[in-house]
Amino acid sequence: MLDPVVRVVDDEESVRNSRKFLLTLAGFEVVCYESGEDFLRLDDFERPGCIILDLKMNGLSGLEVQEELNRRSINLPIIFVTGHGEVNAAVLALKRGAFDFLEKPVDPKKLQEYVGRLVKFSVKSNEQKQEISRLKKLYKTLSPREKQVAAEVAKGDLNKVIAVTLGLAEQTVKIHRSNIFHKLELKSNVDLALFLQKLNEEEKNADGLKSSIFIKEETHEN
């Protein structure tokens, strides 16, 4: 499992430095990029974590970076940071599935809180992807007939019942059952039922994960 990292993408050096200092103190590993282009070219997107992305930058804008991430099917959660008067861009972000956005000036405590939440979200998402990959890899080792038998075994049916259902000899079902348990590294019918259930649930959960999370925090004049 790769360690999570927080990406700070902002064209202002002072902003990058202050956010890196703040988040490093909170225990996060932080990598900074001075442009969207550098971020897209240099980042290791396999690592979980999150992105703190300025909406308005020289070169690629935050929305353009998000668009490219979506095109590449990169699902790292994003905290968008925006200034006042950028309502149209914020609306566009919301139309793309965003929850909300964070307005400047950014509250340091809130930023730490949100980053912590999104890093946990990303780590969980990454674990789910790895688990899906593991389950699929094992499941693909089964032949089409073994997959049919596995589905019946998972229901708790006896070999002779499965034989009638699939039009097979009972001895053939026994052989398939043995091969299934060996290939999937399982020991019992219950294990098989849980395996198939988990495979189905993990795929649904992965489909439901959002690629970007936007959080809006109201600011107050001191």
Protein backbone atom coordinates (compact mmCIF):
# COMPACT_ATOMS: atom_id res chain seq x y z
CA MET A 1 0.00 0.00 0.00
CA LEU A 2 1.48 3.33 -1.08
CA ASP A 3 1.63 6.14 1.48
CA PRO A 4 -0.79 9.03 0.86
CA VAL A 5 0.43 12.43 -0.28
CA VAL A 6 -1.22 15.86 -0.42
CA ARG A 7 -0.66 17.77 -3.66
CA VAL A 8 -0.70 21.56 -3.52
CA VAL A 9 -1.13 23.12 -6.96
CA ASP A 10 -0.85 26.91 -6.91
CA ASP A 11 1.10 29.45 -8.95
CA GLU A 12 1.91 31.60 -5.90
CA GLU A 13 5.07 30.46 -4.14
CA SER A 14 4.10 31.99 -0.80
CA VAL A 15 0.79 30.10 -0.84
CA ARG A 16 2.50 26.82 -1.69
CA ASN A 17 5.06 27.27 1.07
CA SER A 18 2.52 28.23 3.73
CA ARG A 19 0.22 25.33 2.93
CA LYS A 20 3.09 22.88 2.83
CA PHE A 21 4.29 24.12 6.23
CA LEU A 22 0.79 23.93 7.71
CA LEU A 23 0.02 20.45 6.43
CA THR A 24 3.46 19.05 7.18
CA LEU A 25 3.02 20.13 10.80
CA ALA A 26 -0.27 18.22 10.79
CA GLY A 27 1.59 15.06 9.77
CA PHE A 28 0.88 14.94 6.04
CA GLU A 29 3.40 14.39 3.29
CA VAL A 30 3.09 17.31 0.89
CA VAL A 31 4.27 17.85 -2.68
CA CYS A 32 3.92 21.28 -4.31
CA TYR A 33 3.52 22.21 -7.97
CA GLU A 34 3.68 25.73 -9.37
CA SER A 35 1.44 24.98 -12.33
CA GLY A 36 -1.22 22.58 -13.52
CA GLU A 37 1.09 21.51 -16.32
CA ASP A 38 3.85 20.47 -13.89
CA PHE A 39 1.35 18.64 -11.74
CA LEU A 40 -0.09 16.64 -14.64
CA ARG A 41 3.38 15.85 -15.96
CA LEU A 42 5.22 14.96 -12.76
CA ASP A 43 2.82 13.61 -10.16
CA ASP A 44 2.65 9.96 -9.15
CA PHE A 45 -1.10 9.48 -9.45
CA GLU A 46 -0.91 5.94 -8.12
CA ARG A 47 -0.42 7.30 -4.62
CA PRO A 48 -3.60 8.02 -2.66
CA GLY A 49 -4.19 11.39 -1.03
CA CYS A 50 -5.83 14.56 -2.27
CA ILE A 51 -5.28 17.69 -4.34
CA ILE A 52 -5.53 21.28 -3.14
CA LEU A 53 -6.10 23.00 -6.45
CA ASP A 54 -6.29 26.74 -7.07
CA LEU A 55 -9.12 27.59 -9.43
CA LYS A 56 -7.41 30.48 -11.21
CA MET A 57 -3.75 30.07 -12.20
CA ASN A 58 -1.40 31.06 -14.98
CA GLY A 59 -1.41 28.42 -17.69
CA LEU A 60 -3.97 25.70 -17.11
CA SER A 61 -6.78 26.72 -14.79
CA GLY A 62 -8.00 24.51 -11.99
CA LEU A 63 -11.03 23.52 -14.04
CA GLU A 64 -8.82 22.55 -16.97
CA VAL A 65 -6.67 20.43 -14.67
CA GLN A 66 -9.79 18.75 -13.33
CA GLU A 67 -10.99 18.11 -16.87
CA GLU A 68 -7.70 16.42 -17.75
CA LEU A 69 -7.78 14.32 -14.58
CA ASN A 70 -11.28 13.17 -15.47
CA ARG A 71 -10.17 12.37 -19.01
CA ARG A 72 -7.40 10.17 -17.59
CA SER A 73 -9.84 8.57 -15.10
CA ILE A 74 -7.74 9.76 -12.16
CA ASN A 75 -10.01 9.77 -9.12
CA LEU A 76 -7.99 11.67 -6.53
CA PRO A 77 -10.30 13.85 -4.42
CA ILE A 78 -9.94 17.58 -5.03
CA ILE A 79 -10.33 20.57 -2.75
CA PHE A 80 -10.82 23.59 -5.00
CA VAL A 81 -9.71 26.96 -3.67
CA THR A 82 -11.35 30.01 -5.19
CA GLY A 83 -11.42 33.77 -4.73
CA HIS A 84 -14.45 36.00 -4.56
CA GLY A 85 -16.27 36.80 -7.78
CA GLU A 86 -15.64 33.43 -9.43
CA VAL A 87 -19.24 32.26 -9.23
CA ASN A 88 -19.51 31.11 -12.84
CA ALA A 89 -16.50 28.83 -12.50
CA ALA A 90 -17.85 27.49 -9.21
CA VAL A 91 -21.20 26.71 -10.85
CA LEU A 92 -19.40 24.87 -13.64
CA ALA A 93 -17.48 22.88 -11.05
CA LEU A 94 -20.72 21.94 -9.32
CA LYS A 95 -22.21 20.81 -12.61
CA ARG A 96 -19.27 18.45 -12.98
CA GLY A 97 -20.30 16.69 -9.81
CA ALA A 98 -18.58 18.81 -7.17
CA PHE A 99 -19.98 19.01 -3.68
CA ASP A 100 -18.73 22.54 -3.04
CA PHE A 101 -15.57 24.65 -2.88
CA LEU A 102 -13.35 26.45 -0.36
CA GLU A 103 -13.16 30.23 -0.56
CA LYS A 104 -10.15 32.42 0.21
CA PRO A 105 -8.91 33.30 2.76
CA VAL A 106 -8.58 29.68 3.77
CA ASP A 107 -9.07 28.81 7.44
CA PRO A 108 -5.96 26.74 8.37
CA LYS A 109 -7.81 24.52 10.84
CA LYS A 110 -10.58 23.84 8.35
CA LEU A 111 -8.05 23.04 5.65
CA GLN A 112 -6.32 20.51 7.91
CA GLU A 113 -9.67 18.99 8.80
CA TYR A 114 -10.78 18.66 5.19
CA VAL A 115 -7.44 17.29 4.04
CA GLY A 116 -7.55 14.67 6.78
CA ARG A 117 -11.04 13.66 5.71
CA LEU A 118 -10.16 13.44 2.03
CA VAL A 119 -6.92 11.55 2.60
CA LYS A 120 -8.87 8.91 4.53
CA PHE A 121 -11.42 8.83 1.72
CA SER A 122 -8.68 8.35 -0.88
CA VAL A 123 -6.88 5.64 1.09
CA LYS A 124 -10.14 3.74 1.45
CA SER A 125 -10.84 4.16 -2.25
CA ASN A 126 -7.37 2.88 -3.12
CA GLU A 127 -7.80 -0.13 -0.84
CA GLN A 128 -11.10 -0.92 -2.53
CA LYS A 129 -9.48 -0.74 -5.95
CA GLN A 130 -6.71 -3.08 -4.87
CA GLU A 131 -9.22 -5.50 -3.40
CA ILE A 132 -11.32 -5.42 -6.56
CA SER A 133 -8.20 -6.09 -8.61
CA ARG A 134 -7.26 -9.05 -6.40
CA LEU A 135 -10.74 -10.57 -6.53
CA LYS A 136 -11.05 -10.11 -10.28
CA LYS A 137 -7.63 -11.63 -10.87
CA LEU A 138 -8.60 -14.75 -8.94
CA TYR A 139 -12.06 -14.94 -10.49
CA LYS A 140 -10.66 -14.72 -14.02
CA THR A 141 -8.75 -17.96 -13.43
CA LEU A 142 -12.08 -19.83 -13.44
CA SER A 143 -13.40 -21.33 -16.64
CA PRO A 144 -16.92 -20.36 -17.79
CA ARG A 145 -18.25 -23.69 -16.50
CA GLU A 146 -16.48 -23.25 -13.16
CA LYS A 147 -18.11 -19.84 -12.79
CA GLN A 148 -21.50 -21.44 -13.34
CA VAL A 149 -20.76 -24.11 -10.75
CA ALA A 150 -19.40 -21.51 -8.33
CA ALA A 151 -22.66 -19.55 -8.50
CA GLU A 152 -24.64 -22.68 -7.65
CA VAL A 153 -22.26 -23.78 -4.88
CA ALA A 154 -22.54 -20.32 -3.33
CA LYS A 155 -26.29 -20.86 -3.05
CA GLY A 156 -25.61 -23.87 -0.83
CA ASP A 157 -26.88 -26.47 -3.31
CA LEU A 158 -25.64 -30.05 -3.06
CA ASN A 159 -23.52 -31.56 -5.82
CA LYS A 160 -26.36 -33.72 -7.09
CA VAL A 161 -28.69 -30.71 -7.29
CA ILE A 162 -26.08 -28.69 -9.16
CA ALA A 163 -25.52 -31.62 -11.51
CA VAL A 164 -29.22 -31.65 -12.43
CA THR A 165 -29.38 -27.86 -12.74
CA LEU A 166 -26.38 -27.63 -15.08
CA GLY A 167 -26.83 -30.97 -16.84
CA LEU A 168 -23.55 -32.40 -15.55
CA ALA A 169 -22.44 -35.63 -13.94
CA GLU A 170 -22.20 -35.38 -10.16
CA GLN A 171 -18.53 -36.40 -10.29
CA THR A 172 -17.86 -33.56 -12.74
CA VAL A 173 -19.42 -31.11 -10.31
CA LYS A 174 -17.17 -32.43 -7.54
CA ILE A 175 -14.09 -31.87 -9.71
CA HIS A 176 -15.20 -28.34 -10.60
CA ARG A 177 -15.91 -27.57 -6.94
CA SER A 178 -12.42 -28.69 -5.95
CA ASN A 179 -10.82 -26.61 -8.71
CA ILE A 180 -12.85 -23.55 -7.72
CA PHE A 181 -11.77 -23.66 -4.09
CA HIS A 182 -8.15 -24.17 -5.12
CA LYS A 183 -8.08 -21.33 -7.67
CA LEU A 184 -9.91 -18.86 -5.43
CA GLU A 185 -7.89 -19.88 -2.36
CA LEU A 186 -11.04 -20.71 -0.39
CA LYS A 187 -11.99 -23.50 1.99
CA SER A 188 -15.77 -23.64 2.27
CA ASN A 189 -19.09 -22.86 0.60
CA VAL A 190 -19.53 -19.93 2.96
CA ASP A 191 -16.14 -18.54 1.91
CA LEU A 192 -17.21 -18.80 -1.73
CA ALA A 193 -20.53 -17.06 -1.10
CA LEU A 194 -18.73 -14.24 0.71
CA PHE A 195 -16.15 -14.00 -2.09
CA LEU A 196 -18.80 -13.53 -4.78
CA GLN A 197 -20.80 -11.14 -2.62
CA LYS A 198 -17.73 -9.06 -1.86
CA LEU A 199 -16.72 -8.95 -5.52
CA ASN A 200 -20.13 -7.61 -6.45
CA GLU A 201 -20.24 -5.11 -3.57
CA GLU A 202 -16.70 -3.84 -4.16
CA GLU A 203 -17.47 -3.14 -7.82
CA LYS A 204 -20.58 -1.19 -6.86
CA ASN A 205 -18.69 0.77 -4.20
CA ALA A 206 -15.91 1.66 -6.62
CA ASP A 207 -18.42 2.92 -9.17
CA GLY A 208 -19.96 5.13 -6.52
CA LEU A 209 -16.77 6.89 -5.48
CA LYS A 210 -16.59 10.48 -6.65
CA SER A 211 -13.46 11.84 -8.27
CA SER A 212 -13.68 15.34 -6.82
CA ILE A 213 -14.87 16.78 -3.54
CA PHE A 214 -15.40 20.49 -3.23
CA ILE A 215 -15.93 22.11 0.15
CA LYS A 216 -17.15 25.64 0.74
CA GLU A 217 -16.39 27.44 3.96
CA GLU A 218 -17.92 30.82 4.66
CA THR A 219 -15.40 33.49 5.59
CA HIS A 220 -15.94 36.27 8.09
CA GLU A 221 -14.32 39.62 8.45
CA ASN A 222 -12.37 40.01 11.68
